[in-house]
Amino acid sequence: MEALEGGGDGELSKLDLAQEAQALRRVVSAYLNYASAGEEDILRWERSYSKLKPDHKLLLKHLPSKYTQLRSCVEANMFFIHHVLQAFSPPFEMGDFTSGAGEKCQSISNLEDCGVGENRTLQADMYARGPHFPSEDLAVGDGIDNSSSFTSDGMKKPSVSQRNDERMDPRSSNKRQASEISNEDWRSEEESGDGRRVDNRHLTSHSIRPTLNDVVKTGENGFKEHQDFDETSQAKDVVSDRLAVNRRDLLTGRDVDTLPSDVGHIDDSEDMETGYTTIWYQPNFQLPVPPADVDKVRCIIRNIVRDWSEEGVCERAECYTPILKELEDWFPNRSQRRPPTCLVPGAGLGRLAFEISRLGFVTQGNEFSYYMMICSSFILNGTQEALEWEIYPWIHSSCNTIKDEHQLRCVRFPDLHPASAEITEGFSMCAGDFVEVYRHPDQKEAWDAVVTCFFIDTAHNILEYLEIIARILKPGGVWINLGPLLYHFADAHTCSSDDELSIELSLDDVKTIAGHYGLVLQREKVLETTYSSNIKSMMQNRYFAAFWTMVKEERGVSTNGAAVRRPEQIFADYERRATEDRP
């Protein structure tokens, strides 16, 4: 399908929808396989312990107890994941693609690559409509729609590519920045230890459905027959029995204590009602997933710490606070009647976009990864109070640990209840590829500000990002950027036979090209920061991130790179335009 510049019938083809459904099935399958993958790790550690000499075991007699605690932590994470999946409603009807059309996608390419679709594009009606204002006839409510997967205003159907899902942890893609890789924490994309996203910047719990009710058998799900059980299959069964009670409790609402002792072998058919709460657990929905996909789920858990926990406050202060202060500087007296608009590409779990909205901006976060969107939707729309949930984000890495309790520690979130916070009306999350969505004609000169944080190096072609940013900014609009240049596809050739496009520019080249597109550098400095780091780890990866503010030149005005206007001048023009728009 050719990319649309405008027009079109607004319908995705059946093949496109099948590819989208396949991509979503793979992501959900990765979430559901979280627990079995965790069990496999623990079994491996236990096997290593069993090989020790008796006198060595005696010195480490606390380890069996630790392994038991780790299993409880995995269960707690999985409990949260089930609630996340229970609350998520996909942007299209999935029932049509759990067989038939879904298998048609499988016949197009092998399972690992199905849904990659580099050329898949959004149709016209799926483009974000751009900024919205309270005066417009929109059902924005309080900015958060608790009945849907995201806020209703501006939410679009995603065009998901597994290429981008495979770089959800940009800091962990490409070159290994750390000197060691733990055996139990390997990645198909390198992880620098800070857990930067594996998808476009690129979503935990037990593997439930692929482990319940005889799913370990041959056929479309790709599992082995019972007589061929290996240790992986056994790990799935162990997790299945342990989690069946949790799952039944989620789907029926019955108290765990009242369930029969054989609940691990229940007939799921009675739970398979219409809707998406249960479709994820149907046998024909599941897909086998590689370990790298499950690792993306682990990465999402670490990103929750960064964005929505008290433990992440220092990292947010290093990354988000400078951006927020810069926005306040450039827009000091924001109008409540017609607030300035701000786009946040690569919004991830949504905290930065959320905080910008709290400053008085009509804010839209844009995210490409289903992993991120599923989780951010739940946090923004599904949480009921602050510190409601607990996860154990660091249990999967046993390297660089000072104390066992550091590895086993709990993190509670959200530190701030989103629905209780005062945000600007019109806050929205838009799903889709940044270039495909915002190159649409409706987006031209639509935004007063664009904020990018650890984002611009996620591009195949960074020139496209710069071109789109310049195009969607209003004349005099502000682009604030923070992040390194760890290009996600720089080493793609080492793990794929495809000849991936990857344009890797120096920082000077990036600024020069930005100037070519009319973005004039106003302020610049280097900020030292981390990304999803474990604050109690012996290994800390720090980035010397570029932080700048650029302003889009006014029409017909060339500055040849000279500073053009101060913040107060920008705001004066903004106020003038807002006044002229008033009736």
Protein backbone atom coordinates (compact mmCIF):
# COMPACT_ATOMS: atom_id res chain seq x y z
CA MET A 1 0.00 0.00 0.00
CA GLU A 2 1.28 3.41 -0.90
CA ALA A 3 1.60 6.05 1.77
CA LEU A 4 -1.25 8.54 1.75
CA GLU A 5 -0.63 12.25 1.68
CA GLY A 6 -4.32 12.87 2.00
CA GLY A 7 -7.65 11.57 0.91
CA GLY A 8 -8.36 7.89 0.68
CA ASP A 9 -11.32 5.92 1.91
CA GLY A 10 -10.08 5.63 5.47
CA GLU A 11 -10.14 1.85 5.43
CA LEU A 12 -7.30 -0.51 6.02
CA SER A 13 -7.24 -3.53 3.76
CA LYS A 14 -8.02 -6.92 5.24
CA LEU A 15 -4.40 -7.90 4.79
CA ASP A 16 -3.25 -4.79 6.68
CA LEU A 17 -5.64 -5.55 9.50
CA ALA A 18 -4.43 -9.14 9.57
CA GLN A 19 -0.86 -7.90 9.91
CA GLU A 20 -1.89 -5.53 12.69
CA ALA A 21 -3.74 -8.31 14.47
CA GLN A 22 -0.74 -10.60 14.10
CA ALA A 23 1.56 -7.96 15.56
CA LEU A 24 -0.79 -7.44 18.51
CA ARG A 25 -1.14 -11.19 19.06
CA ARG A 26 2.61 -11.46 19.25
CA VAL A 27 2.86 -8.63 21.78
CA VAL A 28 0.09 -10.05 23.98
CA SER A 29 1.68 -13.50 23.72
CA ALA A 30 4.95 -11.99 24.94
CA TYR A 31 3.14 -10.52 27.94
CA LEU A 32 1.51 -13.84 28.73
CA ASN A 33 4.82 -15.69 28.41
CA TYR A 34 6.49 -13.44 30.95
CA ALA A 35 5.94 -15.86 33.83
CA SER A 36 7.12 -19.01 32.07
CA ALA A 37 10.26 -17.18 30.93
CA GLY A 38 10.87 -16.11 34.52
CA GLU A 39 10.37 -19.68 35.71
CA GLU A 40 12.92 -20.88 33.17
CA ASP A 41 15.45 -18.43 34.58
CA ILE A 42 14.83 -19.62 38.12
CA LEU A 43 15.06 -23.28 37.07
CA ARG A 44 18.39 -22.55 35.45
CA TRP A 45 19.70 -20.93 38.62
CA GLU A 46 18.47 -23.90 40.62
CA ARG A 47 20.21 -26.33 38.28
CA SER A 48 23.46 -24.45 38.75
CA TYR A 49 23.01 -24.58 42.51
CA SER A 50 22.33 -28.33 42.38
CA LYS A 51 25.69 -28.91 40.69
CA LEU A 52 27.64 -27.45 43.61
CA LYS A 53 29.62 -29.61 46.00
CA PRO A 54 27.91 -30.24 49.35
CA ASP A 55 30.25 -27.95 51.26
CA HIS A 56 29.63 -25.15 48.78
CA LYS A 57 25.87 -25.67 49.06
CA LEU A 58 26.20 -25.36 52.79
CA LEU A 59 27.78 -21.95 52.38
CA LEU A 60 24.93 -20.88 50.11
CA LYS A 61 22.04 -22.50 51.93
CA HIS A 62 20.03 -19.28 51.68
CA LEU A 63 19.72 -19.57 47.89
CA PRO A 64 16.76 -22.01 47.77
CA SER A 65 14.78 -19.56 49.86
CA LYS A 66 15.77 -16.76 47.51
CA TYR A 67 14.54 -18.75 44.51
CA THR A 68 11.19 -19.20 46.25
CA GLN A 69 11.01 -15.45 46.81
CA LEU A 70 11.85 -14.83 43.16
CA ARG A 71 8.91 -17.01 42.12
CA SER A 72 6.61 -14.94 44.31
CA CYS A 73 7.95 -11.77 42.69
CA VAL A 74 7.31 -13.16 39.21
CA GLU A 75 3.76 -14.00 40.27
CA ALA A 76 3.22 -10.46 41.55
CA ASN A 77 4.43 -9.00 38.28
CA MET A 78 2.18 -11.38 36.38
CA PHE A 79 -0.78 -10.40 38.49
CA PHE A 80 -0.27 -6.81 37.36
CA ILE A 81 0.10 -7.92 33.73
CA HIS A 82 -3.20 -9.75 33.79
CA HIS A 83 -4.95 -6.60 34.96
CA VAL A 84 -3.25 -4.64 32.20
CA LEU A 85 -4.42 -7.07 29.52
CA GLN A 86 -7.87 -7.28 31.05
CA ALA A 87 -8.27 -3.51 30.66
CA PHE A 88 -6.88 -3.22 27.14
CA SER A 89 -9.26 -2.95 24.19
CA PRO A 90 -7.55 -3.28 20.79
CA PRO A 91 -8.30 -0.61 18.18
CA PHE A 92 -9.91 -3.14 15.82
CA GLU A 93 -11.93 -6.35 16.02
CA MET A 94 -9.53 -9.14 16.92
CA GLY A 95 -11.98 -12.03 16.65
CA ASP A 96 -11.80 -11.94 12.87
CA PHE A 97 -8.06 -12.58 12.93
CA THR A 98 -7.53 -15.31 15.50
CA SER A 99 -7.98 -17.76 12.64
CA GLY A 100 -8.37 -17.52 8.90
CA ALA A 101 -7.12 -14.03 8.13
CA GLY A 102 -4.58 -14.31 10.89
CA GLU A 103 -3.16 -17.46 9.40
CA LYS A 104 -3.13 -15.76 6.02
CA CYS A 105 -0.64 -13.33 7.47
CA GLN A 106 1.48 -16.25 8.63
CA SER A 107 1.59 -17.57 5.09
CA ILE A 108 3.00 -14.31 3.83
CA SER A 109 6.14 -14.52 5.88
CA ASN A 110 7.53 -16.62 8.67
CA LEU A 111 6.19 -16.18 12.18
CA GLU A 112 9.11 -14.15 13.45
CA ASP A 113 8.70 -11.55 10.71
CA CYS A 114 4.95 -11.52 10.32
CA GLY A 115 3.60 -8.07 10.87
CA VAL A 116 6.91 -6.34 10.28
CA GLY A 117 5.48 -4.57 7.25
CA GLU A 118 7.91 -1.71 6.73
CA ASN A 119 5.65 -0.18 4.09
CA ARG A 120 2.39 -0.41 5.99
CA THR A 121 0.87 3.03 6.43
CA LEU A 122 -2.05 4.65 8.20
CA GLN A 123 -5.11 5.52 6.20
CA ALA A 124 -6.46 9.05 6.14
CA ASP A 125 -8.99 8.68 8.94
CA MET A 126 -6.35 7.24 11.21
CA TYR A 127 -4.15 10.28 11.19
CA ALA A 128 -4.06 12.32 14.34
CA ARG A 129 -6.20 15.38 13.91
CA GLY A 130 -3.69 17.60 15.57
CA PRO A 131 -4.24 19.90 18.50
CA HIS A 132 -7.74 20.41 19.85
CA PHE A 133 -9.11 23.19 21.98
CA PRO A 134 -11.85 23.31 24.58
CA SER A 135 -13.88 25.57 22.32
CA GLU A 136 -14.12 22.84 19.73
CA ASP A 137 -16.97 20.34 19.83
CA LEU A 138 -14.95 17.47 21.26
CA ALA A 139 -15.69 14.97 23.95
CA VAL A 140 -12.46 15.48 25.80
CA GLY A 141 -13.92 15.37 29.29
CA ASP A 142 -11.19 15.60 31.87
CA GLY A 143 -8.61 14.47 29.36
CA ILE A 144 -8.68 10.82 30.45
CA ASP A 145 -11.30 8.41 29.19
CA ASN A 146 -11.66 5.60 31.70
CA SER A 147 -13.80 3.58 29.35
CA SER A 148 -11.25 3.22 26.60
CA SER A 149 -7.69 2.16 26.21
CA PHE A 150 -6.55 5.73 25.82
CA THR A 151 -8.12 9.14 26.06
CA SER A 152 -10.82 9.49 23.48
CA ASP A 153 -9.55 12.75 22.07
CA GLY A 154 -7.03 12.18 19.34
CA MET A 155 -6.66 8.44 19.85
CA LYS A 156 -5.99 6.74 16.54
CA LYS A 157 -5.64 3.19 15.39
CA PRO A 158 -1.98 2.16 15.43
CA SER A 159 0.08 0.94 12.55
CA VAL A 160 2.44 -1.40 14.33
CA SER A 161 5.70 -2.68 12.98
CA GLN A 162 7.67 -5.33 14.78
CA ARG A 163 10.80 -3.64 13.52
CA ASN A 164 10.10 -0.89 15.97
CA ASP A 165 9.01 -3.33 18.67
CA GLU A 166 12.48 -4.79 18.36
CA ARG A 167 14.01 -1.49 19.30
CA MET A 168 11.74 -0.65 22.17
CA ASP A 169 14.79 -0.33 24.33
CA PRO A 170 16.90 2.07 22.35
CA ARG A 171 19.47 2.42 25.03
CA SER A 172 19.79 -1.32 24.94
CA SER A 173 20.01 -1.62 21.20
CA ASN A 174 23.18 -1.38 19.19
CA LYS A 175 26.52 -1.34 20.90
CA ARG A 176 26.94 -2.78 24.35
CA GLN A 177 27.89 0.11 26.57
CA ALA A 178 28.49 -2.09 29.55
CA SER A 179 31.40 -4.45 29.82
CA GLU A 180 29.39 -7.48 30.84
CA ILE A 181 26.22 -9.31 29.94
CA SER A 182 24.49 -11.47 32.50
CA ASN A 183 23.68 -14.98 31.31
CA GLU A 184 20.06 -14.81 32.40
CA ASP A 185 19.48 -11.37 30.94
CA TRP A 186 20.64 -11.68 27.37
CA ARG A 187 18.99 -9.64 24.68
CA SER A 188 18.60 -9.97 20.97
CA GLU A 189 19.31 -6.29 21.04
CA GLU A 190 22.06 -5.28 23.33
CA GLU A 191 21.05 -3.90 26.66
CA SER A 192 23.32 -1.36 28.20
CA GLY A 193 21.97 -2.15 31.62
CA ASP A 194 19.79 0.92 31.83
CA GLY A 195 16.86 -0.75 30.13
CA ARG A 196 16.12 1.90 27.62
CA ARG A 197 13.12 0.84 25.56
CA VAL A 198 13.16 -1.89 23.06
CA ASP A 199 10.68 -0.42 20.65
CA ASN A 200 10.42 2.84 18.82
CA ARG A 201 12.08 4.05 21.89
CA HIS A 202 10.85 2.65 20.89
CA LEU A 203 5.29 -3.55 27.59
CA THR A 204 4.63 -8.70 32.80
CA SER A 205 3.60 -11.51 34.40
CA HIS A 206 3.26 -15.28 34.12
CA SER A 207 2.77 -17.12 30.92
CA ILE A 208 -0.81 -18.06 31.44
CA ARG A 209 -2.58 -19.11 28.35
CA PRO A 210 0.29 -20.92 26.66
CA THR A 211 0.51 -23.00 29.84
CA LEU A 212 -3.12 -23.74 30.70
CA ASN A 213 -5.23 -26.67 29.57
CA ASP A 214 -2.99 -28.73 27.34
CA VAL A 215 -1.52 -25.89 25.32
CA VAL A 216 1.80 -27.64 25.23
CA LYS A 217 1.17 -29.62 22.08
CA THR A 218 1.92 -29.48 18.43
CA GLY A 219 -0.09 -27.44 15.96
CA GLU A 220 -0.50 -23.80 15.15
CA ASN A 221 0.77 -22.72 18.56
CA GLY A 222 4.04 -24.51 17.98
CA PHE A 223 4.38 -26.27 21.33
CA LYS A 224 5.52 -29.85 21.87
CA GLU A 225 3.40 -32.92 22.57
CA HIS A 226 3.07 -33.95 26.20
CA GLN A 227 5.32 -36.95 25.75
CA ASP A 228 8.07 -34.63 24.50
CA PHE A 229 8.02 -32.32 27.50
CA ASP A 230 11.32 -30.67 28.11
CA GLU A 231 12.32 -28.40 30.96
CA THR A 232 10.79 -25.41 29.24
CA SER A 233 7.44 -27.19 29.06
CA GLN A 234 7.72 -28.15 32.70
CA ALA A 235 8.42 -24.54 33.59
CA LYS A 236 5.24 -23.54 31.78
CA ASP A 237 3.20 -26.12 33.69
CA VAL A 238 4.60 -24.99 37.04
CA VAL A 239 3.67 -21.41 36.24
CA SER A 240 0.28 -22.49 34.89
CA ASP A 241 -0.77 -24.24 38.09
CA ARG A 242 0.46 -21.41 40.28
CA LEU A 243 -1.26 -18.69 38.32
CA ALA A 244 -4.53 -20.37 37.49
CA VAL A 245 -6.05 -19.10 40.72
CA ASN A 246 -4.98 -15.52 40.00
CA ARG A 247 -6.38 -15.70 36.51
CA ARG A 248 -9.69 -17.17 37.64
CA ASP A 249 -9.97 -14.45 40.26
CA LEU A 250 -9.45 -11.76 37.63
CA LEU A 251 -11.99 -13.16 35.21
CA THR A 252 -14.76 -14.21 37.61
CA GLY A 253 -14.30 -11.92 40.58
CA ARG A 254 -14.66 -14.89 42.94
CA ASP A 255 -12.57 -14.94 46.07
CA VAL A 256 -9.45 -17.04 45.68
CA ASP A 257 -10.15 -18.92 48.89
CA THR A 258 -13.46 -20.22 47.54
CA LEU A 259 -11.99 -21.83 44.43
CA PRO A 260 -11.69 -25.60 44.16
CA SER A 261 -8.33 -27.26 44.63
CA ASP A 262 -8.20 -28.36 41.01
CA VAL A 263 -8.56 -24.83 39.72
CA GLY A 264 -5.37 -25.23 37.74
CA HIS A 265 -7.23 -27.49 35.35
CA ILE A 266 -10.41 -25.55 34.89
CA ASP A 267 -12.35 -25.45 31.64
CA ASP A 268 -11.71 -22.03 30.18
CA SER A 269 -14.74 -22.19 27.93
CA GLU A 270 -17.03 -20.81 30.65
CA ASP A 271 -14.84 -17.71 30.88
CA MET A 272 -14.65 -17.10 27.15
CA GLU A 273 -17.28 -14.44 26.90
CA THR A 274 -17.33 -11.78 24.26
CA GLY A 275 -14.94 -8.89 24.63
CA TYR A 276 -11.21 -8.57 25.04
CA THR A 277 -10.92 -9.45 28.70
CA THR A 278 -10.80 -13.13 27.80
CA ILE A 279 -9.85 -13.33 24.13
CA TRP A 280 -6.16 -13.12 25.03
CA TYR A 281 -6.41 -16.49 26.80
CA GLN A 282 -7.99 -18.44 23.98
CA PRO A 283 -5.69 -21.17 22.61
CA ASN A 284 -6.08 -20.05 18.99
CA PHE A 285 -5.07 -16.49 19.88
CA GLN A 286 -1.63 -17.30 21.25
CA LEU A 287 1.55 -17.23 19.20
CA PRO A 288 4.95 -18.65 20.13
CA VAL A 289 7.36 -15.83 20.82
CA PRO A 290 11.17 -15.68 21.03
CA PRO A 291 12.85 -14.79 24.35
CA ALA A 292 13.66 -11.33 23.00
CA ASP A 293 9.95 -10.50 22.91
CA VAL A 294 9.50 -11.42 26.55
CA ASP A 295 12.51 -9.28 27.35
CA LYS A 296 10.62 -6.29 25.99
CA VAL A 297 7.98 -6.94 28.64
CA ARG A 298 10.69 -6.88 31.29
CA CYS A 299 11.88 -3.62 29.82
CA ILE A 300 8.39 -2.14 30.16
CA ILE A 301 8.41 -3.00 33.85
CA ARG A 302 11.69 -1.11 34.26
CA ASN A 303 10.23 1.84 32.36
CA ILE A 304 7.38 1.97 34.87
CA VAL A 305 10.00 2.66 37.52
CA ARG A 306 11.41 5.53 35.46
CA ASP A 307 8.08 7.17 34.63
CA TRP A 308 5.62 6.39 37.41
CA SER A 309 7.41 5.53 40.66
CA GLU A 310 9.01 7.46 43.49
CA GLU A 311 12.24 5.59 42.78
CA GLY A 312 12.37 7.22 39.35
CA VAL A 313 12.05 10.78 40.65
CA CYS A 314 15.78 11.52 40.35
CA GLU A 315 15.95 10.29 36.78
CA ARG A 316 12.87 12.30 35.87
CA ALA A 317 14.47 15.34 37.47
CA GLU A 318 17.49 14.88 35.23
CA CYS A 319 15.50 14.40 32.01
CA TYR A 320 12.03 15.86 32.35
CA THR A 321 12.55 18.82 34.68
CA PRO A 322 14.90 20.72 32.31
CA ILE A 323 12.38 20.25 29.50
CA LEU A 324 9.48 21.47 31.63
CA LYS A 325 11.45 24.51 32.79
CA GLU A 326 12.35 25.34 29.20
CA LEU A 327 8.69 25.17 28.16
CA GLU A 328 7.73 27.47 31.02
CA ASP A 329 10.46 29.89 29.93
CA TRP A 330 9.26 30.06 26.33
CA PHE A 331 5.56 30.16 27.24
CA PRO A 332 5.47 32.04 30.58
CA ASN A 333 1.85 33.23 30.64
CA ARG A 334 -0.16 30.43 29.14
CA SER A 335 -3.75 31.26 28.19
CA GLN A 336 -6.47 29.07 29.68
CA ARG A 337 -8.87 30.01 26.91
CA ARG A 338 -6.52 28.94 24.15
CA PRO A 339 -3.52 27.14 25.66
CA PRO A 340 -0.44 26.44 23.57
CA THR A 341 -0.16 23.04 21.92
CA CYS A 342 2.68 20.58 22.43
CA LEU A 343 3.46 17.28 20.71
CA VAL A 344 5.60 14.61 22.40
CA PRO A 345 6.76 11.96 19.89
CA GLY A 346 8.00 8.73 21.43
CA ALA A 347 5.88 9.33 24.53
CA GLY A 348 6.49 5.84 25.94
CA LEU A 349 4.49 5.37 29.13
CA GLY A 350 3.23 8.94 28.94
CA ARG A 351 4.67 10.66 32.01
CA LEU A 352 6.44 13.49 30.19
CA ALA A 353 3.40 14.29 28.05
CA PHE A 354 1.26 14.11 31.19
CA GLU A 355 3.50 16.58 33.05
CA ILE A 356 3.49 18.98 30.08
CA SER A 357 -0.31 18.87 30.14
CA ARG A 358 -0.22 19.79 33.83
CA LEU A 359 1.75 22.91 32.90
CA GLY A 360 -1.17 24.20 30.83
CA PHE A 361 -0.44 22.85 27.35
CA VAL A 362 -2.84 20.99 25.11
CA THR A 363 -0.58 17.97 24.85
CA GLN A 364 -0.54 14.95 22.61
CA GLY A 365 1.78 12.01 23.17
CA ASN A 366 2.63 9.88 20.16
CA GLU A 367 3.76 6.27 20.57
CA PHE A 368 4.35 3.47 18.09
CA SER A 369 4.90 0.44 20.29
CA TYR A 370 2.02 -1.81 21.33
CA TYR A 371 4.14 -2.85 24.30
CA MET A 372 4.22 0.74 25.53
CA MET A 373 0.64 1.61 24.57
CA ILE A 374 -0.95 -1.33 26.38
CA CYS A 375 0.81 -0.43 29.62
CA SER A 376 0.49 3.36 29.41
CA SER A 377 -3.22 3.00 28.68
CA PHE A 378 -3.68 1.08 31.91
CA ILE A 379 -1.65 3.51 34.01
CA LEU A 380 -3.37 6.59 32.61
CA ASN A 381 -6.91 5.19 32.54
CA GLY A 382 -7.05 2.14 34.78
CA THR A 383 -5.30 2.98 38.03
CA GLN A 384 -7.58 3.95 40.91
CA GLU A 385 -5.21 5.59 43.37
CA ALA A 386 -1.59 6.49 43.99
CA LEU A 387 0.78 3.63 44.90
CA GLU A 388 -1.95 1.14 44.05
CA TRP A 389 0.28 -1.42 42.32
CA GLU A 390 3.55 -3.10 43.14
CA ILE A 391 6.09 -4.72 40.84
CA TYR A 392 9.50 -6.29 41.21
CA PRO A 393 11.46 -4.82 38.29
CA TRP A 394 14.99 -6.00 39.10
CA ILE A 395 14.48 -9.72 39.73
CA HIS A 396 15.66 -10.85 36.30
CA SER A 397 19.23 -9.70 36.60
CA SER A 398 21.53 -11.26 39.18
CA CYS A 399 24.64 -9.35 38.14
CA ASN A 400 26.08 -6.28 39.88
CA THR A 401 23.85 -6.81 42.90
CA ILE A 402 25.09 -5.63 46.27
CA LYS A 403 22.45 -7.37 48.39
CA ASP A 404 19.76 -9.93 47.60
CA GLU A 405 17.13 -7.58 48.98
CA HIS A 406 18.09 -5.05 46.32
CA GLN A 407 17.27 -7.55 43.61
CA LEU A 408 14.04 -8.55 45.36
CA ARG A 409 12.85 -5.09 46.31
CA CYS A 410 9.35 -3.92 45.51
CA VAL A 411 8.50 -0.72 43.65
CA ARG A 412 5.05 0.79 44.08
CA PHE A 413 3.32 2.95 41.49
CA PRO A 414 1.91 5.25 40.30
CA ASP A 415 3.46 7.86 42.53
CA LEU A 416 0.77 10.22 41.25
CA HIS A 417 -2.76 9.16 40.38
CA PRO A 418 -3.29 10.44 36.81
CA ALA A 419 -7.07 10.85 37.01
CA SER A 420 -6.77 12.96 40.17
CA ALA A 421 -4.19 15.37 38.75
CA GLU A 422 -5.16 18.66 37.18
CA ILE A 423 -4.32 18.45 33.51
CA THR A 424 -5.18 20.64 30.56
CA GLU A 425 -8.33 19.71 28.72
CA GLY A 426 -7.46 18.01 25.45
CA PHE A 427 -4.65 15.74 26.67
CA SER A 428 -4.44 12.77 24.32
CA MET A 429 -2.32 9.85 23.20
CA CYS A 430 -1.98 9.12 19.50
CA ALA A 431 -0.93 5.66 18.31
CA GLY A 432 1.11 5.31 15.14
CA ASP A 433 4.45 5.85 13.47
CA PHE A 434 5.64 9.43 13.92
CA VAL A 435 6.55 9.99 10.28
CA GLU A 436 3.43 8.33 8.88
CA VAL A 437 1.03 10.15 11.18
CA TYR A 438 2.48 13.65 11.26
CA ARG A 439 3.42 14.05 7.62
CA HIS A 440 -0.27 14.30 6.87
CA PRO A 441 -1.29 17.72 5.46
CA ASP A 442 -3.57 18.39 8.42
CA GLN A 443 -0.50 18.45 10.66
CA LYS A 444 1.31 21.23 8.84
CA GLU A 445 2.10 24.11 11.23
CA ALA A 446 -0.24 22.64 13.84
CA TRP A 447 1.95 22.77 16.95
CA ASP A 448 3.40 25.54 19.10
CA ALA A 449 5.99 23.17 20.57
CA VAL A 450 7.49 19.75 19.91
CA VAL A 451 9.34 17.94 22.71
CA THR A 452 11.57 14.93 22.03
CA CYS A 453 13.26 13.00 24.83
CA PHE A 454 15.52 10.04 23.95
CA PHE A 455 13.71 9.88 20.62
CA ILE A 456 15.47 11.21 17.55
CA ASP A 457 17.97 8.34 17.36
CA THR A 458 15.12 5.85 16.90
CA ALA A 459 14.82 6.78 13.23
CA HIS A 460 15.88 4.76 10.24
CA ASN A 461 16.43 8.13 8.58
CA ILE A 462 16.85 10.96 11.05
CA LEU A 463 16.45 13.50 8.25
CA GLU A 464 12.79 12.48 8.02
CA TYR A 465 12.33 13.23 11.70
CA LEU A 466 13.92 16.66 11.36
CA GLU A 467 11.88 17.46 8.28
CA ILE A 468 8.60 16.47 9.94
CA ILE A 469 9.39 18.39 13.14
CA ALA A 470 10.10 21.54 11.14
CA ARG A 471 6.98 21.04 9.05
CA ILE A 472 4.52 20.58 11.92
CA LEU A 473 5.79 23.50 14.00
CA LYS A 474 4.09 26.85 13.60
CA PRO A 475 6.35 29.71 12.49
CA GLY A 476 8.09 30.74 15.69
CA GLY A 477 7.32 27.36 17.23
CA VAL A 478 9.79 25.73 19.64
CA TRP A 479 11.52 22.34 19.44
CA ILE A 480 13.07 21.10 22.70
CA ASN A 481 15.21 17.98 22.49
CA LEU A 482 17.12 15.88 25.02
CA GLY A 483 18.96 12.65 24.36
CA PRO A 484 22.00 10.85 22.93
CA LEU A 485 22.57 9.54 19.42
CA LEU A 486 22.57 5.79 20.00
CA TYR A 487 21.10 4.94 16.62
CA HIS A 488 18.81 1.97 16.96
CA PHE A 489 19.51 0.41 13.60
CA ALA A 490 23.25 0.98 13.48
CA ASP A 491 23.95 -2.68 14.20
CA ALA A 492 20.80 -4.15 12.68
CA HIS A 493 22.87 -5.99 10.11
CA THR A 494 24.44 -8.11 12.85
CA CYS A 495 21.15 -9.77 13.77
CA SER A 496 19.19 -9.62 10.52
CA SER A 497 19.74 -10.56 6.92
CA ASP A 498 17.78 -7.49 5.86
CA ASP A 499 19.72 -4.48 4.68
CA GLU A 500 18.17 -2.01 7.11
CA LEU A 501 18.26 1.67 6.30
CA SER A 502 20.21 3.45 9.01
CA ILE A 503 21.43 7.02 8.68
CA GLU A 504 23.81 7.81 11.53
CA LEU A 505 24.77 11.46 11.75
CA SER A 506 27.10 13.24 14.12
CA LEU A 507 25.64 15.80 16.50
CA ASP A 508 27.04 18.62 14.37
CA ASP A 509 25.42 17.15 11.27
CA VAL A 510 22.07 16.86 13.04
CA LYS A 511 22.16 20.53 14.03
CA THR A 512 23.26 21.56 10.55
CA ILE A 513 20.42 19.66 8.87
CA ALA A 514 17.95 21.09 11.38
CA GLY A 515 19.13 24.55 10.37
CA HIS A 516 18.57 23.64 6.72
CA TYR A 517 14.91 23.02 7.55
CA GLY A 518 14.59 26.41 9.23
CA LEU A 519 15.15 25.34 12.84
CA VAL A 520 17.40 27.92 14.50
CA LEU A 521 19.43 26.94 17.55
CA GLN A 522 18.65 29.16 20.54
CA ARG A 523 20.08 27.33 23.54
CA GLU A 524 22.27 24.29 23.92
CA LYS A 525 24.07 22.36 26.66
CA VAL A 526 25.00 18.85 27.71
CA LEU A 527 23.11 17.07 30.50
CA GLU A 528 24.34 13.95 32.24
CA THR A 529 21.60 11.41 32.89
CA THR A 530 20.63 7.74 33.01
CA TYR A 531 17.82 5.78 31.42
CA SER A 532 15.73 3.29 33.43
CA SER A 533 18.70 2.59 35.64
CA ASN A 534 18.70 0.45 38.76
CA ILE A 535 19.78 2.94 41.41
CA LYS A 536 21.10 0.14 43.65
CA SER A 537 23.15 -1.60 40.97
CA MET A 538 26.96 -1.66 40.95
CA MET A 539 26.83 -0.73 37.26
CA GLN A 540 25.45 2.62 36.16
CA ASN A 541 25.41 3.73 32.53
CA ARG A 542 25.27 7.48 32.14
CA TYR A 543 24.65 9.51 29.00
CA PHE A 544 26.04 12.91 28.18
CA ALA A 545 22.87 13.89 26.40
CA ALA A 546 22.47 16.81 24.05
CA PHE A 547 19.89 19.32 25.26
CA TRP A 548 18.81 22.13 22.98
CA THR A 549 16.02 24.50 22.06
CA MET A 550 15.44 25.44 18.43
CA VAL A 551 12.91 27.87 16.99
CA LYS A 552 11.30 27.61 13.57
CA GLU A 553 12.01 30.68 11.46
CA GLU A 554 9.16 32.97 10.52
CA ARG A 555 8.09 32.80 6.89
CA GLY A 556 10.37 34.73 4.59
CA VAL A 557 12.85 35.45 7.35
CA SER A 558 16.34 33.98 7.07
CA THR A 559 18.67 34.29 10.02
CA ASN A 560 21.65 32.31 8.71
CA GLY A 561 21.85 30.55 12.02
CA ALA A 562 21.75 33.67 14.19
CA ALA A 563 19.55 33.78 17.25
CA VAL A 564 16.29 35.33 16.18
CA ARG A 565 13.94 35.87 19.09
CA ARG A 566 13.89 35.70 22.84
CA PRO A 567 11.22 33.71 24.70
CA GLU A 568 9.22 36.81 25.53
CA GLN A 569 9.05 37.68 21.82
CA ILE A 570 7.83 34.19 20.99
CA PHE A 571 5.12 34.45 23.61
CA ALA A 572 4.08 37.94 22.50
CA ASP A 573 3.48 36.61 18.99
CA TYR A 574 1.63 33.63 20.38
CA GLU A 575 -0.62 35.91 22.44
CA ARG A 576 -1.25 38.09 19.42
CA ARG A 577 -2.34 35.11 17.31
CA ALA A 578 -4.58 33.82 20.11
CA THR A 579 -6.24 37.24 20.44
CA GLU A 580 -6.86 37.46 16.71
CA ASP A 581 -8.59 34.07 16.80
CA ARG A 582 -11.06 35.13 19.45
CA PRO A 583 -14.57 36.06 18.25
